[in-house]
Each structure stands twice: as structure tokens, then as C-alpha cells.
Amino acid sequence: MKYLLILLALVAPVSNSQELYIVTGVEHISSIFNGKPFNSKHETSVDMLYTGIRYEKKDWSIEADVIHALQPEEFEGSNPRAIFRIEKKFRIK
């Protein structure tokens, strides 16, 4: 994760300033509810605070975040955690 953040920081000086962003927010992740037609497994959910760097070029974005789970007992692993995202945007016509 630290190497991704270093890479994005190195790319920043050669990129257009309108392509690089610092992001921060709250994310909620939960499993699908119990019962039919889903499953009978125990539901888990977690809220996470995150901050990171996003690089956007045309319809693509690359993001590297450091997160902190607010309910760590519901989520395997330990704080702090890392998320790496690659996204492609599509237009709905």
C-alpha cells in the first residue's frame, strides 16, 4: 500500500493538477440479509473512515486509501487497513 501511495505521489508532478485528488469519507459495507431467497448466514456490517489519493484520467480512476474500521470485531484483520481501487466509468444512454 505504501508503495502505491509513493507511486501516486511521484506521478503527481507530471500529471495535470485536475487529475489528482485527495479523498476522504465514510463507507458502509454489509452482507446480504438473512432468509429466503438469500441465505441463513449471520449478517455482518462495518462502517469505515477512509482517506487516500485518487488519480483520474478520462473515464478511468485509480485510488489508494487507508481505512479504519469502526466495528473491527465484525471485520477480519486489524486497523489500519488498505483499499486499492481501479474503476472505469460508463455512460448510460
PDB file of N, CA and C in Angstrom:
ATOM      1  N   MET A   1       0.825  -1.191   0.000  1.00  0.00           N
ATOM      2  CA  MET A   1       0.000   0.000   0.000  1.00  0.00           C
ATOM      3  C   MET A   1       0.870   1.255   0.000  1.00  0.00           C
ATOM      4  N   LYS A   2       1.916   1.250   0.833  1.00  0.00           N
ATOM      5  CA  LYS A   2       2.758   2.445   0.887  1.00  0.00           C
ATOM      6  C   LYS A   2       3.443   2.688  -0.450  1.00  0.00           C
ATOM      7  N   TYR A   3       3.751   1.609  -1.185  1.00  0.00           N
ATOM      8  CA  TYR A   3       4.371   1.777  -2.498  1.00  0.00           C
ATOM      9  C   TYR A   3       3.405   2.405  -3.498  1.00  0.00           C
ATOM     10  N   LEU A   4       2.117   2.067  -3.380  1.00  0.00           N
ATOM     11  CA  LEU A   4       1.119   2.681  -4.264  1.00  0.00           C
ATOM     12  C   LEU A   4       0.986   4.167  -3.983  1.00  0.00           C
ATOM     13  N   LEU A   5       0.975   4.536  -2.705  1.00  0.00           N
ATOM     14  CA  LEU A   5       0.894   5.950  -2.350  1.00  0.00           C
ATOM     15  C   LEU A   5       2.138   6.706  -2.821  1.00  0.00           C
ATOM     16  N   ILE A   6       3.297   6.072  -2.700  1.00  0.00           N
ATOM     17  CA  ILE A   6       4.534   6.704  -3.192  1.00  0.00           C
ATOM     18  C   ILE A   6       4.485   6.874  -4.698  1.00  0.00           C
ATOM     19  N   LEU A   7       3.999   5.845  -5.419  1.00  0.00           N
ATOM     20  CA  LEU A   7       3.885   5.918  -6.870  1.00  0.00           C
ATOM     21  C   LEU A   7       2.952   7.048  -7.297  1.00  0.00           C
ATOM     22  N   LEU A   8       1.797   7.153  -6.641  1.00  0.00           N
ATOM     23  CA  LEU A   8       0.862   8.233  -6.972  1.00  0.00           C
ATOM     24  C   LEU A   8       1.467   9.598  -6.661  1.00  0.00           C
ATOM     25  N   ALA A   9       2.221   9.695  -5.584  1.00  0.00           N
ATOM     26  CA  ALA A   9       2.868  10.969  -5.253  1.00  0.00           C
ATOM     27  C   ALA A   9       3.934  11.338  -6.282  1.00  0.00           C
ATOM     28  N   LEU A  10       4.615  10.348  -6.840  1.00  0.00           N
ATOM     29  CA  LEU A  10       5.612  10.617  -7.876  1.00  0.00           C
ATOM     30  C   LEU A  10       4.977  11.019  -9.203  1.00  0.00           C
ATOM     31  N   VAL A  11       3.800  10.477  -9.480  1.00  0.00           N
ATOM     32  CA  VAL A  11       3.091  10.793 -10.729  1.00  0.00           C
ATOM     33  C   VAL A  11       2.496  12.197 -10.668  1.00  0.00           C
ATOM     34  N   ALA A  12       2.197  12.675  -9.491  1.00  0.00           N
ATOM     35  CA  ALA A  12       1.515  13.959  -9.321  1.00  0.00           C
ATOM     36  C   ALA A  12       2.197  15.128 -10.026  1.00  0.00           C
ATOM     37  N   PRO A  13       3.514  15.306  -9.922  1.00  0.00           N
ATOM     38  CA  PRO A  13       4.134  16.471 -10.571  1.00  0.00           C
ATOM     39  C   PRO A  13       4.037  16.467 -12.100  1.00  0.00           C
ATOM     40  N   VAL A  14       3.962  15.287 -12.712  1.00  0.00           N
ATOM     41  CA  VAL A  14       3.907  15.228 -14.174  1.00  0.00           C
ATOM     42  C   VAL A  14       2.474  15.155 -14.696  1.00  0.00           C
ATOM     43  N   SER A  15       1.501  15.034 -13.797  1.00  0.00           N
ATOM     44  CA  SER A  15       0.103  14.949 -14.220  1.00  0.00           C
ATOM     45  C   SER A  15      -0.538  16.327 -14.156  1.00  0.00           C
ATOM     46  N   ASN A  16      -1.632  16.456 -14.847  1.00  0.00           N
ATOM     47  CA  ASN A  16      -2.438  17.668 -14.800  1.00  0.00           C
ATOM     48  C   ASN A  16      -3.012  17.787 -13.389  1.00  0.00           C
ATOM     49  N   SER A  17      -2.991  18.965 -12.816  1.00  0.00           N
ATOM     50  CA  SER A  17      -3.490  19.136 -11.438  1.00  0.00           C
ATOM     51  C   SER A  17      -4.968  18.807 -11.308  1.00  0.00           C
ATOM     52  N   GLN A  18      -5.687  18.801 -12.412  1.00  0.00           N
ATOM     53  CA  GLN A  18      -7.110  18.470 -12.363  1.00  0.00           C
ATOM     54  C   GLN A  18      -7.351  16.962 -12.381  1.00  0.00           C
ATOM     55  N   GLU A  19      -6.294  16.146 -12.415  1.00  0.00           N
ATOM     56  CA  GLU A  19      -6.425  14.695 -12.466  1.00  0.00           C
ATOM     57  C   GLU A  19      -6.152  14.019 -11.126  1.00  0.00           C
ATOM     58  N   LEU A  20      -5.578  14.731 -10.162  1.00  0.00           N
ATOM     59  CA  LEU A  20      -5.167  14.146  -8.891  1.00  0.00           C
ATOM     60  C   LEU A  20      -5.993  14.748  -7.755  1.00  0.00           C
ATOM     61  N   TYR A  21      -6.559  13.887  -6.898  1.00  0.00           N
ATOM     62  CA  TYR A  21      -7.445  14.321  -5.818  1.00  0.00           C
ATOM     63  C   TYR A  21      -7.056  13.649  -4.518  1.00  0.00           C
ATOM     64  N   ILE A  22      -7.293  14.336  -3.409  1.00  0.00           N
ATOM     65  CA  ILE A  22      -7.251  13.722  -2.090  1.00  0.00           C
ATOM     66  C   ILE A  22      -8.695  13.458  -1.710  1.00  0.00           C
ATOM     67  N   VAL A  23      -8.979  12.223  -1.289  1.00  0.00           N
ATOM     68  CA  VAL A  23     -10.350  11.851  -0.959  1.00  0.00           C
ATOM     69  C   VAL A  23     -10.435  11.459   0.510  1.00  0.00           C
ATOM     70  N   THR A  24     -11.588  11.702   1.100  1.00  0.00           N
ATOM     71  CA  THR A  24     -11.865  11.273   2.467  1.00  0.00           C
ATOM     72  C   THR A  24     -13.362  11.032   2.582  1.00  0.00           C
ATOM     73  N   GLY A  25     -13.758  10.091   3.426  1.00  0.00           N
ATOM     74  CA  GLY A  25     -15.180   9.805   3.545  1.00  0.00           C
ATOM     75  C   GLY A  25     -15.467   8.678   4.510  1.00  0.00           C
ATOM     76  N   VAL A  26     -16.725   8.242   4.482  1.00  0.00           N
ATOM     77  CA  VAL A  26     -17.222   7.137   5.295  1.00  0.00           C
ATOM     78  C   VAL A  26     -17.822   6.116   4.341  1.00  0.00           C
ATOM     79  N   GLU A  27     -17.527   4.852   4.567  1.00  0.00           N
ATOM     80  CA  GLU A  27     -18.067   3.777   3.730  1.00  0.00           C
ATOM     81  C   GLU A  27     -18.737   2.753   4.626  1.00  0.00           C
ATOM     82  N   HIS A  28     -19.892   2.236   4.185  1.00  0.00           N
ATOM     83  CA  HIS A  28     -20.619   1.193   4.921  1.00  0.00           C
ATOM     84  C   HIS A  28     -20.661  -0.054   4.046  1.00  0.00           C
ATOM     85  N   ILE A  29     -20.243  -1.174   4.602  1.00  0.00           N
ATOM     86  CA  ILE A  29     -20.291  -2.453   3.889  1.00  0.00           C
ATOM     87  C   ILE A  29     -21.110  -3.408   4.746  1.00  0.00           C
ATOM     88  N   SER A  30     -22.049  -4.116   4.102  1.00  0.00           N
ATOM     89  CA  SER A  30     -22.824  -5.113   4.838  1.00  0.00           C
ATOM     90  C   SER A  30     -23.089  -6.323   3.957  1.00  0.00           C
ATOM     91  N   SER A  31     -23.274  -7.459   4.623  1.00  0.00           N
ATOM     92  CA  SER A  31     -23.601  -8.679   3.900  1.00  0.00           C
ATOM     93  C   SER A  31     -25.082  -8.662   3.541  1.00  0.00           C
ATOM     94  N   ILE A  32     -25.460  -9.535   2.616  1.00  0.00           N
ATOM     95  CA  ILE A  32     -26.871  -9.639   2.221  1.00  0.00           C
ATOM     96  C   ILE A  32     -27.655 -10.210   3.395  1.00  0.00           C
ATOM     97  N   PHE A  33     -28.877  -9.729   3.560  1.00  0.00           N
ATOM     98  CA  PHE A  33     -29.711 -10.123   4.697  1.00  0.00           C
ATOM     99  C   PHE A  33     -30.016 -11.614   4.711  1.00  0.00           C
ATOM    100  N   ASN A  34     -30.441 -12.088   5.863  1.00  0.00           N
ATOM    101  CA  ASN A  34     -30.786 -13.494   6.060  1.00  0.00           C
ATOM    102  C   ASN A  34     -32.124 -13.834   5.434  1.00  0.00           C
ATOM    103  N   GLY A  35     -32.398 -15.122   5.323  1.00  0.00           N
ATOM    104  CA  GLY A  35     -33.702 -15.608   4.878  1.00  0.00           C
ATOM    105  C   GLY A  35     -33.791 -15.814   3.383  1.00  0.00           C
ATOM    106  N   LYS A  36     -34.924 -16.361   2.974  1.00  0.00           N
ATOM    107  CA  LYS A  36     -35.163 -16.648   1.555  1.00  0.00           C
ATOM    108  C   LYS A  36     -35.417 -15.351   0.813  1.00  0.00           C
ATOM    109  N   PRO A  37     -34.966 -15.158  -0.375  1.00  0.00           N
ATOM    110  CA  PRO A  37     -34.208 -16.084  -1.223  1.00  0.00           C
ATOM    111  C   PRO A  37     -32.705 -15.972  -1.014  1.00  0.00           C
ATOM    112  N   PHE A  38     -32.266 -15.325   0.042  1.00  0.00           N
ATOM    113  CA  PHE A  38     -30.838 -15.114   0.237  1.00  0.00           C
ATOM    114  C   PHE A  38     -30.180 -16.311   0.920  1.00  0.00           C
ATOM    115  N   ASN A  39     -29.864 -16.215   2.185  1.00  0.00           N
ATOM    116  CA  ASN A  39     -29.181 -17.314   2.880  1.00  0.00           C
ATOM    117  C   ASN A  39     -29.510 -17.253   4.366  1.00  0.00           C
ATOM    118  N   SER A  40     -29.007 -18.195   5.115  1.00  0.00           N
ATOM    119  CA  SER A  40     -29.262 -18.217   6.562  1.00  0.00           C
ATOM    120  C   SER A  40     -28.000 -17.883   7.352  1.00  0.00           C
ATOM    121  N   LYS A  41     -27.059 -17.208   6.719  1.00  0.00           N
ATOM    122  CA  LYS A  41     -25.820 -16.840   7.392  1.00  0.00           C
ATOM    123  C   LYS A  41     -26.009 -15.597   8.249  1.00  0.00           C
ATOM    124  N   HIS A  42     -25.148 -15.457   9.242  1.00  0.00           N
ATOM    125  CA  HIS A  42     -25.170 -14.292  10.129  1.00  0.00           C
ATOM    126  C   HIS A  42     -24.800 -13.039   9.336  1.00  0.00           C
ATOM    127  N   GLU A  43     -25.579 -11.976   9.504  1.00  0.00           N
ATOM    128  CA  GLU A  43     -25.285 -10.720   8.804  1.00  0.00           C
ATOM    129  C   GLU A  43     -24.132 -10.007   9.492  1.00  0.00           C
ATOM    130  N   THR A  44     -23.238  -9.462   8.701  1.00  0.00           N
ATOM    131  CA  THR A  44     -22.168  -8.631   9.238  1.00  0.00           C
ATOM    132  C   THR A  44     -22.178  -7.295   8.518  1.00  0.00           C
ATOM    133  N   SER A  45     -21.798  -6.268   9.220  1.00  0.00           N
ATOM    134  CA  SER A  45     -21.684  -4.946   8.601  1.00  0.00           C
ATOM    135  C   SER A  45     -20.604  -4.165   9.332  1.00  0.00           C
ATOM    136  N   VAL A  46     -20.035  -3.214   8.615  1.00  0.00           N
ATOM    137  CA  VAL A  46     -18.968  -2.408   9.206  1.00  0.00           C
ATOM    138  C   VAL A  46     -18.986  -1.019   8.567  1.00  0.00           C
ATOM    139  N   ASP A  47     -18.720  -0.013   9.375  1.00  0.00           N
ATOM    140  CA  ASP A  47     -18.553   1.355   8.891  1.00  0.00           C
ATOM    141  C   ASP A  47     -17.064   1.662   8.938  1.00  0.00           C
ATOM    142  N   MET A  48     -16.562   2.341   7.894  1.00  0.00           N
ATOM    143  CA  MET A  48     -15.139   2.626   7.819  1.00  0.00           C
ATOM    144  C   MET A  48     -14.907   4.083   7.440  1.00  0.00           C
ATOM    145  N   LEU A  49     -13.958   4.706   8.118  1.00  0.00           N
ATOM    146  CA  LEU A  49     -13.478   6.031   7.746  1.00  0.00           C
ATOM    147  C   LEU A  49     -12.282   5.828   6.840  1.00  0.00           C
ATOM    148  N   TYR A  50     -12.184   6.615   5.763  1.00  0.00           N
ATOM    149  CA  TYR A  50     -11.048   6.445   4.869  1.00  0.00           C
ATOM    150  C   TYR A  50     -10.520   7.775   4.372  1.00  0.00           C
ATOM    151  N   THR A  51      -9.238   7.751   3.995  1.00  0.00           N
ATOM    152  CA  THR A  51      -8.595   8.879   3.334  1.00  0.00           C
ATOM    153  C   THR A  51      -7.569   8.314   2.365  1.00  0.00           C
ATOM    154  N   GLY A  52      -7.385   9.004   1.248  1.00  0.00           N
ATOM    155  CA  GLY A  52      -6.457   8.483   0.261  1.00  0.00           C
ATOM    156  C   GLY A  52      -6.240   9.436  -0.897  1.00  0.00           C
ATOM    157  N   ILE A  53      -5.686   8.882  -1.961  1.00  0.00           N
ATOM    158  CA  ILE A  53      -5.362   9.646  -3.163  1.00  0.00           C
ATOM    159  C   ILE A  53      -6.058   8.990  -4.348  1.00  0.00           C
ATOM    160  N   ARG A  54      -6.663   9.814  -5.217  1.00  0.00           N
ATOM    161  CA  ARG A  54      -7.313   9.322  -6.432  1.00  0.00           C
ATOM    162  C   ARG A  54      -6.722  10.039  -7.643  1.00  0.00           C
ATOM    163  N   TYR A  55      -6.383   9.242  -8.652  1.00  0.00           N
ATOM    164  CA  TYR A  55      -5.901   9.778  -9.924  1.00  0.00           C
ATOM    165  C   TYR A  55      -6.947   9.440 -10.976  1.00  0.00           C
ATOM    166  N   GLU A  56      -7.447  10.461 -11.693  1.00  0.00           N
ATOM    167  CA  GLU A  56      -8.465  10.269 -12.717  1.00  0.00           C
ATOM    168  C   GLU A  56      -7.940  10.698 -14.070  1.00  0.00           C
ATOM    169  N   LYS A  57      -8.193   9.878 -15.065  1.00  0.00           N
ATOM    170  CA  LYS A  57      -7.816  10.173 -16.440  1.00  0.00           C
ATOM    171  C   LYS A  57      -8.940   9.666 -17.337  1.00  0.00           C
ATOM    172  N   LYS A  58      -9.610  10.596 -18.010  1.00  0.00           N
ATOM    173  CA  LYS A  58     -10.771  10.282 -18.841  1.00  0.00           C
ATOM    174  C   LYS A  58     -11.800   9.534 -17.999  1.00  0.00           C
ATOM    175  N   ASP A  59     -12.170   8.317 -18.370  1.00  0.00           N
ATOM    176  CA  ASP A  59     -13.187   7.568 -17.629  1.00  0.00           C
ATOM    177  C   ASP A  59     -12.594   6.569 -16.640  1.00  0.00           C
ATOM    178  N   TRP A  60     -11.280   6.601 -16.421  1.00  0.00           N
ATOM    179  CA  TRP A  60     -10.620   5.675 -15.514  1.00  0.00           C
ATOM    180  C   TRP A  60     -10.190   6.397 -14.238  1.00  0.00           C
ATOM    181  N   SER A  61     -10.212   5.661 -13.123  1.00  0.00           N
ATOM    182  CA  SER A  61      -9.658   6.218 -11.888  1.00  0.00           C
ATOM    183  C   SER A  61      -8.928   5.122 -11.119  1.00  0.00           C
ATOM    184  N   ILE A  62      -7.858   5.524 -10.446  1.00  0.00           N
ATOM    185  CA  ILE A  62      -7.077   4.644  -9.580  1.00  0.00           C
ATOM    186  C   ILE A  62      -7.056   5.314  -8.211  1.00  0.00           C
ATOM    187  N   GLU A  63      -7.388   4.540  -7.184  1.00  0.00           N
ATOM    188  CA  GLU A  63      -7.476   5.107  -5.841  1.00  0.00           C
ATOM    189  C   GLU A  63      -6.775   4.193  -4.839  1.00  0.00           C
ATOM    190  N   ALA A  64      -6.023   4.769  -3.929  1.00  0.00           N
ATOM    191  CA  ALA A  64      -5.373   4.055  -2.839  1.00  0.00           C
ATOM    192  C   ALA A  64      -5.781   4.738  -1.538  1.00  0.00           C
ATOM    193  N   ASP A  65      -6.404   3.970  -0.636  1.00  0.00           N
ATOM    194  CA  ASP A  65      -6.930   4.523   0.615  1.00  0.00           C
ATOM    195  C   ASP A  65      -6.377   3.789   1.827  1.00  0.00           C
ATOM    196  N   VAL A  66      -6.280   4.504   2.917  1.00  0.00           N
ATOM    197  CA  VAL A  66      -6.016   3.928   4.233  1.00  0.00           C
ATOM    198  C   VAL A  66      -7.325   4.055   4.989  1.00  0.00           C
ATOM    199  N   ILE A  67      -7.800   2.934   5.580  1.00  0.00           N
ATOM    200  CA  ILE A  67      -9.107   2.951   6.244  1.00  0.00           C
ATOM    201  C   ILE A  67      -8.990   2.507   7.702  1.00  0.00           C
ATOM    202  N   HIS A  68     -10.010   2.887   8.477  1.00  0.00           N
ATOM    203  CA  HIS A  68     -10.121   2.473   9.873  1.00  0.00           C
ATOM    204  C   HIS A  68     -11.545   1.970  10.081  1.00  0.00           C
ATOM    205  N   ALA A  69     -11.679   0.681  10.406  1.00  0.00           N
ATOM    206  CA  ALA A  69     -12.998   0.093  10.651  1.00  0.00           C
ATOM    207  C   ALA A  69     -13.483   0.505  12.040  1.00  0.00           C
ATOM    208  N   LEU A  70     -14.733   0.999  12.115  1.00  0.00           N
ATOM    209  CA  LEU A  70     -15.288   1.443  13.398  1.00  0.00           C
ATOM    210  C   LEU A  70     -15.819   0.279  14.225  1.00  0.00           C
ATOM    211  N   GLN A  71     -16.126  -0.850  13.584  1.00  0.00           N
ATOM    212  CA  GLN A  71     -16.553  -2.073  14.279  1.00  0.00           C
ATOM    213  C   GLN A  71     -15.578  -3.192  13.907  1.00  0.00           C
ATOM    214  N   PRO A  72     -14.350  -3.155  14.419  1.00  0.00           N
ATOM    215  CA  PRO A  72     -13.325  -4.113  13.967  1.00  0.00           C
ATOM    216  C   PRO A  72     -13.671  -5.562  14.268  1.00  0.00           C
ATOM    217  N   GLU A  73     -14.528  -5.821  15.250  1.00  0.00           N
ATOM    218  CA  GLU A  73     -14.882  -7.205  15.578  1.00  0.00           C
ATOM    219  C   GLU A  73     -15.737  -7.844  14.483  1.00  0.00           C
ATOM    220  N   GLU A  74     -16.360  -7.034  13.626  1.00  0.00           N
ATOM    221  CA  GLU A  74     -17.205  -7.538  12.546  1.00  0.00           C
ATOM    222  C   GLU A  74     -16.413  -7.815  11.264  1.00  0.00           C
ATOM    223  N   PHE A  75     -15.147  -7.445  11.233  1.00  0.00           N
ATOM    224  CA  PHE A  75     -14.360  -7.471  10.008  1.00  0.00           C
ATOM    225  C   PHE A  75     -13.011  -8.107  10.323  1.00  0.00           C
ATOM    226  N   GLU A  76     -12.605  -9.125   9.576  1.00  0.00           N
ATOM    227  CA  GLU A  76     -11.327  -9.782   9.839  1.00  0.00           C
ATOM    228  C   GLU A  76     -10.163  -8.834   9.585  1.00  0.00           C
ATOM    229  N   GLY A  77      -9.091  -9.034  10.311  1.00  0.00           N
ATOM    230  CA  GLY A  77      -7.916  -8.187  10.157  1.00  0.00           C
ATOM    231  C   GLY A  77      -7.841  -7.153  11.262  1.00  0.00           C
ATOM    232  N   SER A  78      -6.890  -6.241  11.131  1.00  0.00           N
ATOM    233  CA  SER A  78      -6.732  -5.215  12.158  1.00  0.00           C
ATOM    234  C   SER A  78      -6.586  -3.840  11.519  1.00  0.00           C
ATOM    235  N   ASN A  79      -6.839  -2.812  12.302  1.00  0.00           N
ATOM    236  CA  ASN A  79      -6.713  -1.433  11.832  1.00  0.00           C
ATOM    237  C   ASN A  79      -5.254  -1.011  11.890  1.00  0.00           C
ATOM    238  N   PRO A  80      -4.767  -0.149  11.040  1.00  0.00           N
ATOM    239  CA  PRO A  80      -5.426   0.381   9.847  1.00  0.00           C
ATOM    240  C   PRO A  80      -5.399  -0.642   8.707  1.00  0.00           C
ATOM    241  N   ARG A  81      -6.281  -0.463   7.756  1.00  0.00           N
ATOM    242  CA  ARG A  81      -6.401  -1.361   6.612  1.00  0.00           C
ATOM    243  C   ARG A  81      -6.156  -0.563   5.344  1.00  0.00           C
ATOM    244  N   ALA A  82      -6.109  -1.232   4.214  1.00  0.00           N
ATOM    245  CA  ALA A  82      -5.866  -0.552   2.945  1.00  0.00           C
ATOM    246  C   ALA A  82      -6.890  -1.002   1.907  1.00  0.00           C
ATOM    247  N   ILE A  83      -7.252  -0.078   1.038  1.00  0.00           N
ATOM    248  CA  ILE A  83      -8.119  -0.381  -0.100  1.00  0.00           C
ATOM    249  C   ILE A  83      -7.429   0.162  -1.349  1.00  0.00           C
ATOM    250  N   PHE A  84      -7.420  -0.633  -2.394  1.00  0.00           N
ATOM    251  CA  PHE A  84      -6.911  -0.201  -3.691  1.00  0.00           C
ATOM    252  C   PHE A  84      -8.011  -0.432  -4.704  1.00  0.00           C
ATOM    253  N   ARG A  85      -8.402   0.622  -5.436  1.00  0.00           N
ATOM    254  CA  ARG A  85      -9.497   0.533  -6.405  1.00  0.00           C
ATOM    255  C   ARG A  85      -9.032   0.966  -7.784  1.00  0.00           C
ATOM    256  N   ILE A  86      -9.502   0.256  -8.784  1.00  0.00           N
ATOM    257  CA  ILE A  86      -9.386   0.688 -10.173  1.00  0.00           C
ATOM    258  C   ILE A  86     -10.804   0.688 -10.714  1.00  0.00           C
ATOM    259  N   GLU A  87     -11.252   1.830 -11.236  1.00  0.00           N
ATOM    260  CA  GLU A  87     -12.636   1.959 -11.705  1.00  0.00           C
ATOM    261  C   GLU A  87     -12.670   2.489 -13.131  1.00  0.00           C
ATOM    262  N   LYS A  88     -13.688   2.075 -13.844  1.00  0.00           N
ATOM    263  CA  LYS A  88     -13.974   2.566 -15.194  1.00  0.00           C
ATOM    264  C   LYS A  88     -15.411   3.053 -15.196  1.00  0.00           C
ATOM    265  N   LYS A  89     -15.631   4.288 -15.630  1.00  0.00           N
ATOM    266  CA  LYS A  89     -16.986   4.851 -15.701  1.00  0.00           C
ATOM    267  C   LYS A  89     -17.579   4.550 -17.069  1.00  0.00           C
ATOM    268  N   PHE A  90     -18.878   4.225 -17.079  1.00  0.00           N
ATOM    269  CA  PHE A  90     -19.617   4.002 -18.306  1.00  0.00           C
ATOM    270  C   PHE A  90     -20.814   4.937 -18.348  1.00  0.00           C
ATOM    271  N   ARG A  91     -21.115   5.471 -19.488  1.00  0.00           N
ATOM    272  CA  ARG A  91     -22.279   6.343 -19.644  1.00  0.00           C
ATOM    273  C   ARG A  91     -23.536   5.516 -19.895  1.00  0.00           C
ATOM    274  N   ILE A  92     -24.631   5.928 -19.279  1.00  0.00           N
ATOM    275  CA  ILE A  92     -25.924   5.304 -19.529  1.00  0.00           C
ATOM    276  C   ILE A  92     -26.649   6.162 -20.548  1.00  0.00           C
ATOM    277  N   LYS A  93     -26.977   5.566 -21.672  1.00  0.00           N
ATOM    278  CA  LYS A  93     -27.620   6.342 -22.743  1.00  0.00           C
ATOM    279  C   LYS A  93     -29.101   6.107 -22.763  1.00  0.00           C
TER     280      LYS A  93
END
